[in-house]
C-alpha atoms as a PDB file:
ATOM      1  CA  MET A   1       0.000   0.000   0.000  1.00  0.00           C
ATOM      2  CA  GLY A   2       1.296   3.429  -0.886  1.00  0.00           C
ATOM      3  CA  GLY A   3       1.329   6.484   1.290  1.00  0.00           C
ATOM      4  CA  ALA A   4       3.332   9.561   2.119  1.00  0.00           C
ATOM      5  CA  TYR A   5       5.560   9.823   5.158  1.00  0.00           C
ATOM      6  CA  ARG A   6       5.133  12.859   7.377  1.00  0.00           C
ATOM      7  CA  SER A   7       7.978  15.306   7.513  1.00  0.00           C
ATOM      8  CA  THR A   8       9.904  15.184  10.789  1.00  0.00           C
ATOM      9  CA  PRO A   9       7.900  17.012  13.466  1.00  0.00           C
ATOM     10  CA  PRO A  10       9.608  19.160  16.107  1.00  0.00           C
ATOM     11  CA  CYS A  11      10.369  17.241  19.309  1.00  0.00           C
ATOM     12  CA  VAL A  12       9.236  18.534  22.709  1.00  0.00           C
ATOM     13  CA  LEU A  13      11.046  17.156  25.767  1.00  0.00           C
ATOM     14  CA  VAL A  14       8.487  16.706  28.549  1.00  0.00           C
ATOM     15  CA  PHE A  15       9.158  16.312  32.266  1.00  0.00           C
ATOM     16  CA  SER A  16       5.967  15.538  34.187  1.00  0.00           C
ATOM     17  CA  GLY A  17       4.270  13.133  36.539  1.00  0.00           C
ATOM     18  CA  SER A  18       2.254  10.109  35.466  1.00  0.00           C
ATOM     19  CA  ASP A  19      -1.494  10.272  36.131  1.00  0.00           C
ATOM     20  CA  PRO A  20      -3.086   6.803  35.979  1.00  0.00           C
ATOM     21  CA  SER A  21      -6.542   8.348  35.495  1.00  0.00           C
ATOM     22  CA  GLY A  22      -5.382   9.674  32.120  1.00  0.00           C
ATOM     23  CA  GLY A  23      -6.598  13.194  32.811  1.00  0.00           C
ATOM     24  CA  ALA A  24      -3.551  15.237  33.779  1.00  0.00           C
ATOM     25  CA  GLY A  25       0.232  15.161  33.823  1.00  0.00           C
ATOM     26  CA  MET A  26       2.060  13.169  31.204  1.00  0.00           C
ATOM     27  CA  GLN A  27      -1.128  11.546  29.953  1.00  0.00           C
ATOM     28  CA  ALA A  28      -2.381  15.054  29.132  1.00  0.00           C
ATOM     29  CA  ASP A  29       0.906  16.319  27.717  1.00  0.00           C
ATOM     30  CA  ILE A  30       1.429  13.582  25.135  1.00  0.00           C
ATOM     31  CA  PRO A  31      -1.828  13.946  23.159  1.00  0.00           C
ATOM     32  CA  ALA A  32      -1.830  17.748  23.417  1.00  0.00           C
ATOM     33  CA  ILE A  33       1.668  18.028  21.969  1.00  0.00           C
ATOM     34  CA  GLY A  34       0.804  15.551  19.230  1.00  0.00           C
ATOM     35  CA  ALA A  35      -2.382  17.419  18.345  1.00  0.00           C
ATOM     36  CA  LEU A  36      -0.384  20.610  17.780  1.00  0.00           C
ATOM     37  CA  GLY A  37       1.942  18.946  15.281  1.00  0.00           C
ATOM     38  CA  CYS A  38       4.912  17.966  17.450  1.00  0.00           C
ATOM     39  CA  HIS A  39       6.375  14.757  18.837  1.00  0.00           C
ATOM     40  CA  PRO A  40       6.542  14.339  22.648  1.00  0.00           C
ATOM     41  CA  LEU A  41       9.659  12.877  24.271  1.00  0.00           C
ATOM     42  CA  SER A  42       8.317  11.955  27.685  1.00  0.00           C
ATOM     43  CA  VAL A  43      10.359  11.686  30.880  1.00  0.00           C
ATOM     44  CA  PRO A  44       8.260  10.799  33.950  1.00  0.00           C
ATOM     45  CA  THR A  45       9.401  12.482  37.152  1.00  0.00           C
ATOM     46  CA  ALA A  46       6.914  10.921  39.564  1.00  0.00           C
ATOM     47  CA  LEU A  47       4.280   8.239  39.797  1.00  0.00           C
ATOM     48  CA  THR A  48       1.055   9.475  41.307  1.00  0.00           C
ATOM     49  CA  VAL A  49      -1.911   7.697  42.847  1.00  0.00           C
ATOM     50  CA  GLN A  50      -4.939   9.705  41.776  1.00  0.00           C
ATOM     51  CA  ASP A  51      -8.330   9.673  40.129  1.00  0.00           C
ATOM     52  CA  ASN A  52     -10.260  12.548  38.553  1.00  0.00           C
ATOM     53  CA  VAL A  53     -10.920  14.127  41.964  1.00  0.00           C
ATOM     54  CA  SER A  54      -8.150  13.382  44.475  1.00  0.00           C
ATOM     55  CA  VAL A  55      -4.402  12.768  44.684  1.00  0.00           C
ATOM     56  CA  PHE A  56      -3.705  10.012  47.207  1.00  0.00           C
ATOM     57  CA  ALA A  57       0.106   9.751  46.888  1.00  0.00           C
ATOM     58  CA  VAL A  58       3.072  11.088  44.925  1.00  0.00           C
ATOM     59  CA  HIS A  59       6.179   8.935  44.525  1.00  0.00           C
ATOM     60  CA  ALA A  60       9.056  10.949  43.063  1.00  0.00           C
ATOM     61  CA  LEU A  61      11.392   8.955  40.856  1.00  0.00           C
ATOM     62  CA  ASP A  62      15.101   8.825  41.611  1.00  0.00           C
ATOM     63  CA  PRO A  63      16.840  11.925  40.180  1.00  0.00           C
ATOM     64  CA  GLU A  64      19.480   9.786  38.473  1.00  0.00           C
ATOM     65  CA  LEU A  65      16.735   7.872  36.674  1.00  0.00           C
ATOM     66  CA  VAL A  66      15.145  11.153  35.566  1.00  0.00           C
ATOM     67  CA  ARG A  67      18.525  12.412  34.361  1.00  0.00           C
ATOM     68  CA  HIS A  68      19.395   9.181  32.551  1.00  0.00           C
ATOM     69  CA  GLN A  69      16.051   9.038  30.724  1.00  0.00           C
ATOM     70  CA  ALA A  70      16.459  12.595  29.478  1.00  0.00           C
ATOM     71  CA  GLN A  71      20.159  12.328  28.647  1.00  0.00           C
ATOM     72  CA  VAL A  72      19.553   9.444  26.259  1.00  0.00           C
ATOM     73  CA  LEU A  73      16.918  11.538  24.470  1.00  0.00           C
ATOM     74  CA  ILE A  74      19.062  14.673  24.392  1.00  0.00           C
ATOM     75  CA  ASP A  75      21.976  12.740  22.924  1.00  0.00           C
ATOM     76  CA  ARG A  76      19.827  11.324  20.115  1.00  0.00           C
ATOM     77  CA  PHE A  77      17.181  13.876  19.158  1.00  0.00           C
ATOM     78  CA  ASP A  78      16.977  17.560  18.333  1.00  0.00           C
ATOM     79  CA  ILE A  79      14.935  19.225  21.076  1.00  0.00           C
ATOM     80  CA  ALA A  80      12.772  22.137  19.869  1.00  0.00           C
ATOM     81  CA  ALA A  81      11.147  22.981  23.229  1.00  0.00           C
ATOM     82  CA  VAL A  82      10.872  21.746  26.819  1.00  0.00           C
ATOM     83  CA  LYS A  83       7.693  21.418  28.880  1.00  0.00           C
ATOM     84  CA  LEU A  84       7.995  21.198  32.666  1.00  0.00           C
ATOM     85  CA  GLY A  85       5.188  19.823  34.822  1.00  0.00           C
ATOM     86  CA  ILE A  86       5.707  18.503  38.339  1.00  0.00           C
ATOM     87  CA  ALA A  87       9.294  17.642  39.240  1.00  0.00           C
ATOM     88  CA  GLY A  88       8.237  15.569  42.239  1.00  0.00           C
ATOM     89  CA  SER A  89      11.202  16.597  44.389  1.00  0.00           C
ATOM     90  CA  ARG A  90      13.787  19.336  44.747  1.00  0.00           C
ATOM     91  CA  GLU A  91      16.521  16.895  43.657  1.00  0.00           C
ATOM     92  CA  ASN A  92      14.623  16.174  40.451  1.00  0.00           C
ATOM     93  CA  ALA A  93      14.187  19.897  39.767  1.00  0.00           C
ATOM     94  CA  GLU A  94      17.930  20.432  40.155  1.00  0.00           C
ATOM     95  CA  ALA A  95      18.677  17.532  37.788  1.00  0.00           C
ATOM     96  CA  ILE A  96      16.217  18.951  35.236  1.00  0.00           C
ATOM     97  CA  ALA A  97      17.773  22.413  35.547  1.00  0.00           C
ATOM     98  CA  ALA A  98      21.207  20.971  34.750  1.00  0.00           C
ATOM     99  CA  LEU A  99      19.789  19.226  31.670  1.00  0.00           C
ATOM    100  CA  ILE A 100      18.186  22.435  30.431  1.00  0.00           C
ATOM    101  CA  ARG A 101      21.460  24.308  30.885  1.00  0.00           C
ATOM    102  CA  GLN A 102      23.098  21.611  28.778  1.00  0.00           C
ATOM    103  CA  LEU A 103      20.499  22.105  26.045  1.00  0.00           C
ATOM    104  CA  ARG A 104      20.801  25.888  26.232  1.00  0.00           C
ATOM    105  CA  ALA A 105      24.544  25.630  25.691  1.00  0.00           C
ATOM    106  CA  LYS A 106      23.696  24.321  22.205  1.00  0.00           C
ATOM    107  CA  ASN A 107      20.577  26.425  21.657  1.00  0.00           C
ATOM    108  CA  PRO A 108      20.391  29.567  23.831  1.00  0.00           C
ATOM    109  CA  ALA A 109      16.923  30.386  22.466  1.00  0.00           C
ATOM    110  CA  LEU A 110      15.393  27.013  23.404  1.00  0.00           C
ATOM    111  CA  PRO A 111      11.815  27.650  24.639  1.00  0.00           C
ATOM    112  CA  VAL A 112      11.038  26.265  28.100  1.00  0.00           C
ATOM    113  CA  VAL A 113       7.452  26.259  29.396  1.00  0.00           C
ATOM    114  CA  LEU A 114       7.132  25.942  33.181  1.00  0.00           C
ATOM    115  CA  ASP A 115       3.731  24.915  34.523  1.00  0.00           C
ATOM    116  CA  PRO A 116       4.113  25.509  38.288  1.00  0.00           C
ATOM    117  CA  VAL A 117       1.724  22.763  39.364  1.00  0.00           C
ATOM    118  CA  LEU A 118       1.533  23.013  43.147  1.00  0.00           C
ATOM    119  CA  ALA A 119      -1.669  21.073  43.780  1.00  0.00           C
ATOM    120  CA  ASN A 120      -4.623  19.572  41.985  1.00  0.00           C
ATOM    121  CA  GLY A 121      -7.970  21.350  41.769  1.00  0.00           C
ATOM    122  CA  LYS A 122      -8.998  19.967  45.164  1.00  0.00           C
ATOM    123  CA  GLY A 123      -5.792  21.252  46.775  1.00  0.00           C
ATOM    124  CA  ASP A 124      -3.908  17.954  47.165  1.00  0.00           C
ATOM    125  CA  ASN A 125      -0.130  18.425  47.119  1.00  0.00           C
ATOM    126  CA  LEU A 126       1.805  17.224  44.064  1.00  0.00           C
ATOM    127  CA  ALA A 127       5.354  16.954  45.375  1.00  0.00           C
ATOM    128  CA  ARG A 128       7.219  15.015  48.009  1.00  0.00           C
ATOM    129  CA  ASP A 129       8.599  18.294  49.371  1.00  0.00           C
ATOM    130  CA  ASP A 130       7.101  21.787  49.570  1.00  0.00           C
ATOM    131  CA  ALA A 131       5.894  22.196  45.983  1.00  0.00           C
ATOM    132  CA  ALA A 132       6.635  25.937  45.888  1.00  0.00           C
ATOM    133  CA  ARG A 133      10.239  25.344  46.997  1.00  0.00           C
ATOM    134  CA  VAL A 134      10.698  22.459  44.559  1.00  0.00           C
ATOM    135  CA  ILE A 135      10.442  24.674  41.466  1.00  0.00           C
ATOM    136  CA  GLU A 136      12.902  27.343  42.645  1.00  0.00           C
ATOM    137  CA  PRO A 137      15.804  26.045  40.472  1.00  0.00           C
ATOM    138  CA  LEU A 138      13.607  26.310  37.360  1.00  0.00           C
ATOM    139  CA  TYR A 139      12.497  29.971  37.395  1.00  0.00           C
ATOM    140  CA  ALA A 140      15.632  31.339  35.787  1.00  0.00           C
ATOM    141  CA  LEU A 141      15.395  28.786  32.975  1.00  0.00           C
ATOM    142  CA  ALA A 142      11.741  29.389  32.088  1.00  0.00           C
ATOM    143  CA  THR A 143      10.905  31.197  28.888  1.00  0.00           C
ATOM    144  CA  VAL A 144       7.298  31.355  30.092  1.00  0.00           C
ATOM    145  CA  ILE A 145       5.598  30.348  33.331  1.00  0.00           C
ATOM    146  CA  THR A 146       1.854  29.559  33.383  1.00  0.00           C
ATOM    147  CA  PRO A 147       0.388  29.817  36.906  1.00  0.00           C
ATOM    148  CA  ASN A 148      -3.322  29.908  37.596  1.00  0.00           C
ATOM    149  CA  LEU A 149      -4.568  32.496  40.067  1.00  0.00           C
ATOM    150  CA  ASN A 150      -4.268  30.151  43.057  1.00  0.00           C
ATOM    151  CA  GLU A 151      -0.693  29.242  42.139  1.00  0.00           C
ATOM    152  CA  ALA A 152       0.276  32.867  41.521  1.00  0.00           C
ATOM    153  CA  ARG A 153      -1.129  33.820  44.919  1.00  0.00           C
ATOM    154  CA  ARG A 154       0.787  31.031  46.656  1.00  0.00           C
ATOM    155  CA  LEU A 155       4.027  31.883  44.883  1.00  0.00           C
ATOM    156  CA  CYS A 156       3.821  35.691  45.054  1.00  0.00           C
ATOM    157  CA  GLY A 157       1.220  36.641  47.642  1.00  0.00           C
ATOM    158  CA  ASP A 158      -2.260  38.124  47.355  1.00  0.00           C
ATOM    159  CA  VAL A 159      -1.290  41.157  45.284  1.00  0.00           C
ATOM    160  CA  ALA A 160      -2.396  42.538  41.930  1.00  0.00           C
ATOM    161  CA  PRO A 161      -1.720  40.381  38.842  1.00  0.00           C
ATOM    162  CA  ALA A 162       0.851  42.848  37.490  1.00  0.00           C
ATOM    163  CA  GLU A 163       2.782  42.647  40.771  1.00  0.00           C
ATOM    164  CA  GLN A 164       2.681  38.844  40.683  1.00  0.00           C
ATOM    165  CA  ALA A 165       4.012  38.869  37.128  1.00  0.00           C
ATOM    166  CA  ALA A 166       6.753  41.331  38.060  1.00  0.00           C
ATOM    167  CA  GLU A 167       7.823  39.128  40.977  1.00  0.00           C
ATOM    168  CA  LEU A 168       8.024  36.027  38.767  1.00  0.00           C
ATOM    169  CA  MET A 169      10.100  37.980  36.252  1.00  0.00           C
ATOM    170  CA  ARG A 170      12.441  39.065  39.050  1.00  0.00           C
ATOM    171  CA  ARG A 171      13.014  35.362  39.691  1.00  0.00           C
ATOM    172  CA  GLY A 172      14.100  34.917  36.071  1.00  0.00           C
ATOM    173  CA  CYS A 173      11.010  34.134  33.958  1.00  0.00           C
ATOM    174  CA  ASP A 174      10.903  36.078  30.694  1.00  0.00           C
ATOM    175  CA  HIS A 175       7.146  35.752  30.170  1.00  0.00           C
ATOM    176  CA  VAL A 176       4.230  35.157  32.533  1.00  0.00           C
ATOM    177  CA  LEU A 177       0.826  33.845  31.478  1.00  0.00           C
ATOM    178  CA  LEU A 178      -1.581  34.301  34.386  1.00  0.00           C
ATOM    179  CA  LYS A 179      -4.567  32.009  33.872  1.00  0.00           C
ATOM    180  CA  GLY A 180      -7.991  32.902  35.217  1.00  0.00           C
ATOM    181  CA  GLY A 181      -9.701  29.515  35.041  1.00  0.00           C
ATOM    182  CA  HIS A 182      -9.324  28.759  38.762  1.00  0.00           C
ATOM    183  CA  GLY A 183     -10.144  32.264  39.911  1.00  0.00           C
ATOM    184  CA  PRO A 184     -13.373  33.892  41.108  1.00  0.00           C
ATOM    185  CA  GLN A 185     -16.348  32.507  39.223  1.00  0.00           C
ATOM    186  CA  GLN A 186     -16.904  35.391  36.840  1.00  0.00           C
ATOM    187  CA  GLU A 187     -18.730  35.041  33.554  1.00  0.00           C
ATOM    188  CA  ASP A 188     -15.512  34.910  31.520  1.00  0.00           C
ATOM    189  CA  VAL A 189     -12.068  33.427  32.044  1.00  0.00           C
ATOM    190  CA  VAL A 190      -9.445  36.143  31.588  1.00  0.00           C
ATOM    191  CA  ASN A 191      -5.856  35.125  30.788  1.00  0.00           C
ATOM    192  CA  ARG A 192      -3.146  37.789  30.921  1.00  0.00           C
ATOM    193  CA  TRP A 193       0.289  37.664  29.310  1.00  0.00           C
ATOM    194  CA  TYR A 194       3.093  39.796  30.740  1.00  0.00           C
ATOM    195  CA  ALA A 195       6.394  40.112  28.851  1.00  0.00           C
ATOM    196  CA  ALA A 196       9.796  41.156  30.173  1.00  0.00           C
ATOM    197  CA  GLY A 197      10.773  44.587  28.892  1.00  0.00           C
ATOM    198  CA  ALA A 198       7.159  45.658  28.321  1.00  0.00           C
ATOM    199  CA  SER A 199       5.107  47.906  30.584  1.00  0.00           C
ATOM    200  CA  PRO A 200       5.158  46.397  34.077  1.00  0.00           C
ATOM    201  CA  LEU A 201       1.639  47.669  34.760  1.00  0.00           C
ATOM    202  CA  ALA A 202      -0.241  46.348  31.741  1.00  0.00           C
ATOM    203  CA  PRO A 203      -0.351  42.914  30.102  1.00  0.00           C
ATOM    204  CA  SER A 204       1.085  42.509  26.630  1.00  0.00           C
ATOM    205  CA  GLY A 205      -1.900  40.344  25.743  1.00  0.00           C
ATOM    206  CA  ASN A 206      -5.358  39.827  27.179  1.00  0.00           C
ATOM    207  CA  TRP A 207      -7.741  37.000  26.236  1.00  0.00           C
ATOM    208  CA  ARG A 208     -11.318  36.347  27.335  1.00  0.00           C
ATOM    209  CA  TRP A 209     -12.962  32.941  27.042  1.00  0.00           C
ATOM    210  CA  PRO A 210     -16.500  31.932  28.000  1.00  0.00           C
ATOM    211  CA  ARG A 211     -16.387  30.136  31.347  1.00  0.00           C
ATOM    212  CA  LEU A 212     -17.662  26.607  30.843  1.00  0.00           C
ATOM    213  CA  PRO A 213     -20.023  25.220  33.504  1.00  0.00           C
ATOM    214  CA  ASP A 214     -17.938  22.209  34.556  1.00  0.00           C
ATOM    215  CA  GLU A 215     -14.597  21.492  36.243  1.00  0.00           C
ATOM    216  CA  PHE A 216     -11.827  19.788  34.296  1.00  0.00           C
ATOM    217  CA  HIS A 217      -8.965  17.428  35.125  1.00  0.00           C
ATOM    218  CA  GLY A 218      -5.730  18.555  33.473  1.00  0.00           C
ATOM    219  CA  SER A 219      -6.769  21.848  31.891  1.00  0.00           C
ATOM    220  CA  GLY A 220      -3.555  23.587  32.982  1.00  0.00           C
ATOM    221  CA  CYS A 221      -1.398  20.708  31.745  1.00  0.00           C
ATOM    222  CA  THR A 222      -3.194  20.881  28.405  1.00  0.00           C
ATOM    223  CA  LEU A 223      -2.528  24.598  27.968  1.00  0.00           C
ATOM    224  CA  ALA A 224       1.146  24.399  28.975  1.00  0.00           C
ATOM    225  CA  ALA A 225       1.797  21.356  26.790  1.00  0.00           C
ATOM    226  CA  SER A 226       0.094  22.862  23.757  1.00  0.00           C
ATOM    227  CA  LEU A 227       2.000  26.116  24.315  1.00  0.00           C
ATOM    228  CA  SER A 228       5.292  24.219  24.305  1.00  0.00           C
ATOM    229  CA  ALA A 229       4.309  22.632  20.988  1.00  0.00           C
ATOM    230  CA  CYS A 230       3.397  25.980  19.471  1.00  0.00           C
ATOM    231  CA  LEU A 231       6.758  27.453  20.514  1.00  0.00           C
ATOM    232  CA  ALA A 232       8.548  24.362  19.169  1.00  0.00           C
ATOM    233  CA  ARG A 233       6.911  25.072  15.821  1.00  0.00           C
ATOM    234  CA  GLY A 234       8.561  28.484  15.808  1.00  0.00           C
ATOM    235  CA  LEU A 235       5.557  30.682  16.585  1.00  0.00           C
ATOM    236  CA  ASP A 236       6.235  33.945  18.382  1.00  0.00           C
ATOM    237  CA  MET A 237       4.943  34.195  21.948  1.00  0.00           C
ATOM    238  CA  HIS A 238       1.704  36.028  21.149  1.00  0.00           C
ATOM    239  CA  ALA A 239       0.760  33.649  18.340  1.00  0.00           C
ATOM    240  CA  ALA A 240       1.775  30.611  20.418  1.00  0.00           C
ATOM    241  CA  ILE A 241      -0.333  31.670  23.400  1.00  0.00           C
ATOM    242  CA  SER A 242      -3.300  32.435  21.156  1.00  0.00           C
ATOM    243  CA  LEU A 243      -3.216  29.061  19.388  1.00  0.00           C
ATOM    244  CA  ALA A 244      -2.599  27.109  22.618  1.00  0.00           C
ATOM    245  CA  GLN A 245      -5.585  28.764  24.271  1.00  0.00           C
ATOM    246  CA  ARG A 246      -7.817  28.109  21.268  1.00  0.00           C
ATOM    247  CA  TYR A 247      -6.831  24.431  21.318  1.00  0.00           C
ATOM    248  CA  THR A 248      -7.374  24.159  25.084  1.00  0.00           C
ATOM    249  CA  GLN A 249     -10.787  25.819  24.931  1.00  0.00           C
ATOM    250  CA  HIS A 250     -11.773  23.357  22.200  1.00  0.00           C
ATOM    251  CA  ALA A 251     -10.558  20.412  24.316  1.00  0.00           C
ATOM    252  CA  LEU A 252     -12.605  21.625  27.289  1.00  0.00           C
ATOM    253  CA  ALA A 253     -15.701  22.358  25.225  1.00  0.00           C
ATOM    254  CA  THR A 254     -15.618  18.799  23.831  1.00  0.00           C
ATOM    255  CA  SER A 255     -14.672  17.153  27.164  1.00  0.00           C
ATOM    256  CA  TYR A 256     -16.215  13.960  28.465  1.00  0.00           C
ATOM    257  CA  ALA A 257     -16.956  12.317  31.818  1.00  0.00           C
ATOM    258  CA  ILE A 258     -15.600   8.942  32.916  1.00  0.00           C
ATOM    259  CA  ALA A 259     -17.071   9.234  36.428  1.00  0.00           C
ATOM    260  CA  GLN A 260     -18.524  11.856  38.717  1.00  0.00           C
ATOM    261  CA  GLY A 261     -16.057  14.664  39.352  1.00  0.00           C
ATOM    262  CA  GLN A 262     -13.839  16.570  36.964  1.00  0.00           C
ATOM    263  CA  ARG A 263     -14.344  16.034  33.257  1.00  0.00           C
ATOM    264  CA  ILE A 264     -11.527  14.936  30.929  1.00  0.00           C
ATOM    265  CA  PRO A 265     -10.483  17.417  28.210  1.00  0.00           C
ATOM    266  CA  ASN A 266     -10.843  15.884  24.743  1.00  0.00           C
ATOM    267  CA  ARG A 267      -7.290  16.441  23.563  1.00  0.00           C
ATOM    268  CA  ILE A 268      -7.675  14.270  20.468  1.00  0.00           C
ATOM    269  CA  ALA A 269     -10.811  15.967  19.145  1.00  0.00           C
ATOM    270  CA  VAL A 270     -10.523  17.195  15.576  1.00  0.00           C
ATOM    271  CA  PHE A 271      -8.888  20.628  15.736  1.00  0.00           C
ATOM    272  CA  ASP A 272      -7.519  22.984  13.094  1.00  0.00           C
ATOM    273  CA  ALA A 273      -3.994  23.678  14.350  1.00  0.00           C
ATOM    274  CA  ALA A 274      -3.313  26.312  11.689  1.00  0.00           C
ATOM    275  CA  ILE A 275      -2.195  29.686  12.978  1.00  0.00           C
END
């Protein structure tokens, strides 16, 4: 049988935890990155015990195992972007930071998307150590960080969004995408993008999306993973954020339920990934 081979897609190196419910973490990252035209190289950092409501346990993998998995991939494949979910432990975050520095030595412009996942929607912790302390080695390596309002408040205090963004930039992040999905239940979800070098008082981009009536398992993972794919494709930050949000909104709008509790975003629904 005949057929055309696909051209080589950009590869995204993913560090995230495994979610056996299939809703969040690595199980969210892989289909989202594929849907946006890239190939995921997946390095699990932790094994979790969770369903679509609660996290019962987090077992961080050994940092040498995390390093070895990634090193084999780095030595073999061209990495076009990196997506960071939970590290699981401070030692894992430090190992990941060293790997990113190695990649940046070859490609200083390598995009790195940091999703600062501190807890699930219910508030269950997602690290063996203090989750906010775990990610400290990664700030300075992040091209863009994507906290929701709860995460931004925990990391920076209960101050105005512009002040939270400025604080994250002081820690080294070049871009901050503050997500409004887990904020006060207003009619619309408002996402704000702040860029280093722009006005510190006003976002460089502002997006409004209709707030859907349900709760979702892995919505933040989906947005961060799809953003990493868009950046791997070479889109500029504004275009990448716009396309990633459009994809995520589509995944949420076509979500499905596998049990009572949070719905599962439909990351493999037909979606036009054109800019």
